[in-house]
């Protein structure tokens, strides 16, 4: 999933000479002999109107769920995906562990994924927990 500079750091400079075709960032960025050919993003794929539609829906959904704690950074935009965390990415390890137990009993994420799959059926998205 790394970008080309990180791959060069990990595998050594000149990696583009060993592997002239490079598909970094989980295949979203294509290079040939070190020259950038194409960049794909979830925003390009969905279009900005659908990105806003998803972000707005998620934030509204999270407002209404009752979980033990909420700690911020609930929606993280990445090149090829959205990382959604009902508890928030800023929680402590202890809070994350407590939430995991709560979620196993209450299916918070499972219910959210089911609701999202229904709401955004027209977009052909894939979900994972």
Foldseek 3Di string as FASTA:
>chain_A
DADPVVCCVVPNPPVCVVPQWDQPPVNQWIGGSNHTDGGAFVCNLQPPVVVVVVVVVLVVVLVPDDAPAADAQQWDGDRHDIRGDSNYPPDDPVVVVVRVVVCVVVVPVVVVVVVCCVVVVVSPDDDDD
